[in-house]
Amino acid sequence: MTENTEFKRYMCIVCGWVYDEAEGAPDDGIEPGTKWENVPLNWSCPDCGATKDDFEMVEID
């Protein structure tokens, strides 16, 4: 079985930090391959501290 997983990147509009689904955020407990929708709601941006619920993330190419 072949799984076609397309990873996306999202940018914090507060500080510009980029979350890459393929890379995750291991230093913050988010494993590589974690889709954005599976990142906990109480997670916060490692650079500016804004929470996922407090600001929009923008999909970037």
N, C-alpha and C. Protein backbone atom coordinates (compact mmCIF):
# COMPACT_ATOMS: atom_id res chain seq x y z
N MET A 1 0.85 -1.18 0.00
CA MET A 1 0.00 0.00 0.00
C MET A 1 0.89 1.24 0.00
N THR A 2 0.66 2.12 -0.93
CA THR A 2 1.42 3.36 -1.04
C THR A 2 0.57 4.51 -0.52
N GLU A 3 1.14 5.25 0.41
CA GLU A 3 0.44 6.39 0.98
C GLU A 3 0.97 7.66 0.34
N ASN A 4 0.10 8.43 -0.27
CA ASN A 4 0.50 9.67 -0.90
C ASN A 4 0.24 10.81 0.08
N THR A 5 1.26 11.19 0.82
CA THR A 5 1.13 12.23 1.82
C THR A 5 1.81 13.50 1.32
N GLU A 6 1.04 14.54 1.19
CA GLU A 6 1.58 15.82 0.77
C GLU A 6 1.66 16.73 1.99
N PHE A 7 2.88 17.11 2.34
CA PHE A 7 3.07 17.97 3.50
C PHE A 7 2.99 19.43 3.09
N LYS A 8 2.50 20.24 4.01
CA LYS A 8 2.34 21.68 3.77
C LYS A 8 3.15 22.45 4.78
N ARG A 9 3.31 23.73 4.51
CA ARG A 9 4.01 24.63 5.42
C ARG A 9 3.08 25.77 5.77
N TYR A 10 3.15 26.22 7.00
CA TYR A 10 2.32 27.31 7.49
C TYR A 10 3.19 28.35 8.18
N MET A 11 2.85 29.62 7.99
CA MET A 11 3.66 30.70 8.55
C MET A 11 2.88 31.48 9.58
N CYS A 12 3.51 31.72 10.71
CA CYS A 12 2.90 32.54 11.75
C CYS A 12 2.85 33.98 11.24
N ILE A 13 1.66 34.56 11.20
CA ILE A 13 1.55 35.94 10.70
C ILE A 13 1.98 36.96 11.75
N VAL A 14 2.21 36.51 12.98
CA VAL A 14 2.68 37.42 14.02
C VAL A 14 4.18 37.65 13.89
N CYS A 15 4.96 36.54 13.70
CA CYS A 15 6.41 36.70 13.70
C CYS A 15 7.11 36.11 12.47
N GLY A 16 6.39 35.34 11.65
CA GLY A 16 6.99 34.78 10.44
C GLY A 16 7.60 33.40 10.61
N TRP A 17 7.50 32.82 11.80
CA TRP A 17 8.03 31.46 12.02
C TRP A 17 7.25 30.49 11.14
N VAL A 18 7.93 29.52 10.54
CA VAL A 18 7.30 28.58 9.62
C VAL A 18 7.20 27.19 10.24
N TYR A 19 5.99 26.64 10.22
CA TYR A 19 5.77 25.25 10.64
C TYR A 19 5.70 24.41 9.38
N ASP A 20 6.59 23.43 9.28
CA ASP A 20 6.64 22.52 8.14
C ASP A 20 6.16 21.16 8.63
N GLU A 21 5.05 20.67 8.07
CA GLU A 21 4.49 19.39 8.52
C GLU A 21 5.50 18.25 8.40
N ALA A 22 6.31 18.26 7.37
CA ALA A 22 7.29 17.19 7.17
C ALA A 22 8.34 17.18 8.28
N GLU A 23 8.72 18.36 8.75
CA GLU A 23 9.75 18.49 9.78
C GLU A 23 9.18 18.47 11.19
N GLY A 24 7.92 18.88 11.34
CA GLY A 24 7.33 18.99 12.67
C GLY A 24 8.05 20.05 13.49
N ALA A 25 7.96 19.93 14.81
CA ALA A 25 8.67 20.82 15.73
C ALA A 25 9.13 19.97 16.90
N PRO A 26 10.11 19.08 16.65
CA PRO A 26 10.54 18.12 17.69
C PRO A 26 10.93 18.76 19.02
N ASP A 27 11.52 19.95 18.99
CA ASP A 27 11.90 20.62 20.23
C ASP A 27 10.68 21.00 21.06
N ASP A 28 9.52 21.06 20.41
CA ASP A 28 8.27 21.41 21.10
C ASP A 28 7.34 20.21 21.24
N GLY A 29 7.86 19.00 20.98
CA GLY A 29 7.07 17.79 21.15
C GLY A 29 6.18 17.44 19.98
N ILE A 30 6.36 18.10 18.82
CA ILE A 30 5.56 17.81 17.63
C ILE A 30 6.43 16.99 16.69
N GLU A 31 6.07 15.73 16.51
CA GLU A 31 6.86 14.80 15.71
C GLU A 31 6.85 15.17 14.22
N PRO A 32 7.95 14.87 13.50
CA PRO A 32 7.95 15.07 12.05
C PRO A 32 6.79 14.30 11.41
N GLY A 33 6.17 14.91 10.41
CA GLY A 33 5.04 14.27 9.74
C GLY A 33 3.68 14.61 10.36
N THR A 34 3.67 15.46 11.40
CA THR A 34 2.42 15.84 12.05
C THR A 34 1.71 16.90 11.23
N LYS A 35 0.51 16.57 10.77
CA LYS A 35 -0.31 17.52 10.00
C LYS A 35 -0.73 18.68 10.90
N TRP A 36 -0.92 19.85 10.31
CA TRP A 36 -1.28 21.05 11.07
C TRP A 36 -2.55 20.82 11.90
N GLU A 37 -3.53 20.14 11.32
CA GLU A 37 -4.78 19.92 12.05
C GLU A 37 -4.59 19.02 13.28
N ASN A 38 -3.47 18.31 13.34
CA ASN A 38 -3.20 17.44 14.49
C ASN A 38 -2.29 18.08 15.53
N VAL A 39 -1.84 19.31 15.27
CA VAL A 39 -1.07 20.05 16.27
C VAL A 39 -2.06 20.48 17.35
N PRO A 40 -1.74 20.25 18.63
CA PRO A 40 -2.68 20.59 19.70
C PRO A 40 -3.08 22.06 19.71
N LEU A 41 -4.32 22.33 20.09
CA LEU A 41 -4.81 23.71 20.15
C LEU A 41 -4.04 24.55 21.15
N ASN A 42 -3.46 23.92 22.18
CA ASN A 42 -2.73 24.68 23.19
C ASN A 42 -1.25 24.86 22.85
N TRP A 43 -0.84 24.41 21.66
CA TRP A 43 0.53 24.61 21.20
C TRP A 43 0.76 26.09 20.98
N SER A 44 1.99 26.54 21.20
CA SER A 44 2.29 27.95 20.95
C SER A 44 3.53 28.09 20.08
N CYS A 45 3.58 29.16 19.32
CA CYS A 45 4.69 29.44 18.43
C CYS A 45 5.98 29.51 19.24
N PRO A 46 7.01 28.76 18.85
CA PRO A 46 8.25 28.76 19.62
C PRO A 46 9.02 30.08 19.57
N ASP A 47 8.72 30.94 18.61
CA ASP A 47 9.43 32.22 18.52
C ASP A 47 8.72 33.35 19.25
N CYS A 48 7.39 33.45 19.09
CA CYS A 48 6.69 34.60 19.68
C CYS A 48 5.70 34.23 20.77
N GLY A 49 5.41 32.93 20.93
CA GLY A 49 4.51 32.50 21.99
C GLY A 49 3.03 32.60 21.65
N ALA A 50 2.68 33.07 20.45
CA ALA A 50 1.27 33.14 20.06
C ALA A 50 0.72 31.72 19.96
N THR A 51 -0.50 31.52 20.39
CA THR A 51 -1.08 30.19 20.32
C THR A 51 -1.72 29.95 18.96
N LYS A 52 -1.91 28.69 18.65
CA LYS A 52 -2.54 28.31 17.38
C LYS A 52 -3.91 28.96 17.26
N ASP A 53 -4.61 29.07 18.38
CA ASP A 53 -5.95 29.64 18.40
C ASP A 53 -5.94 31.17 18.32
N ASP A 54 -4.82 31.78 18.67
CA ASP A 54 -4.74 33.24 18.73
C ASP A 54 -4.38 33.93 17.43
N PHE A 55 -3.83 33.18 16.47
CA PHE A 55 -3.45 33.81 15.22
C PHE A 55 -3.63 32.86 14.05
N GLU A 56 -3.73 33.43 12.87
CA GLU A 56 -3.91 32.62 11.68
C GLU A 56 -2.58 32.14 11.17
N MET A 57 -2.58 30.93 10.63
CA MET A 57 -1.41 30.43 9.95
C MET A 57 -1.73 30.51 8.46
N VAL A 58 -0.73 30.85 7.67
CA VAL A 58 -0.92 31.03 6.23
C VAL A 58 -0.17 29.92 5.50
N GLU A 59 -0.87 29.20 4.64
CA GLU A 59 -0.21 28.19 3.83
C GLU A 59 0.69 28.88 2.83
N ILE A 60 1.95 28.44 2.75
CA ILE A 60 2.90 29.05 1.81
C ILE A 60 3.45 28.01 0.88
N ASP A 61 3.93 28.44 -0.27
CA ASP A 61 4.50 27.51 -1.26
C ASP A 61 5.96 27.27 -0.99
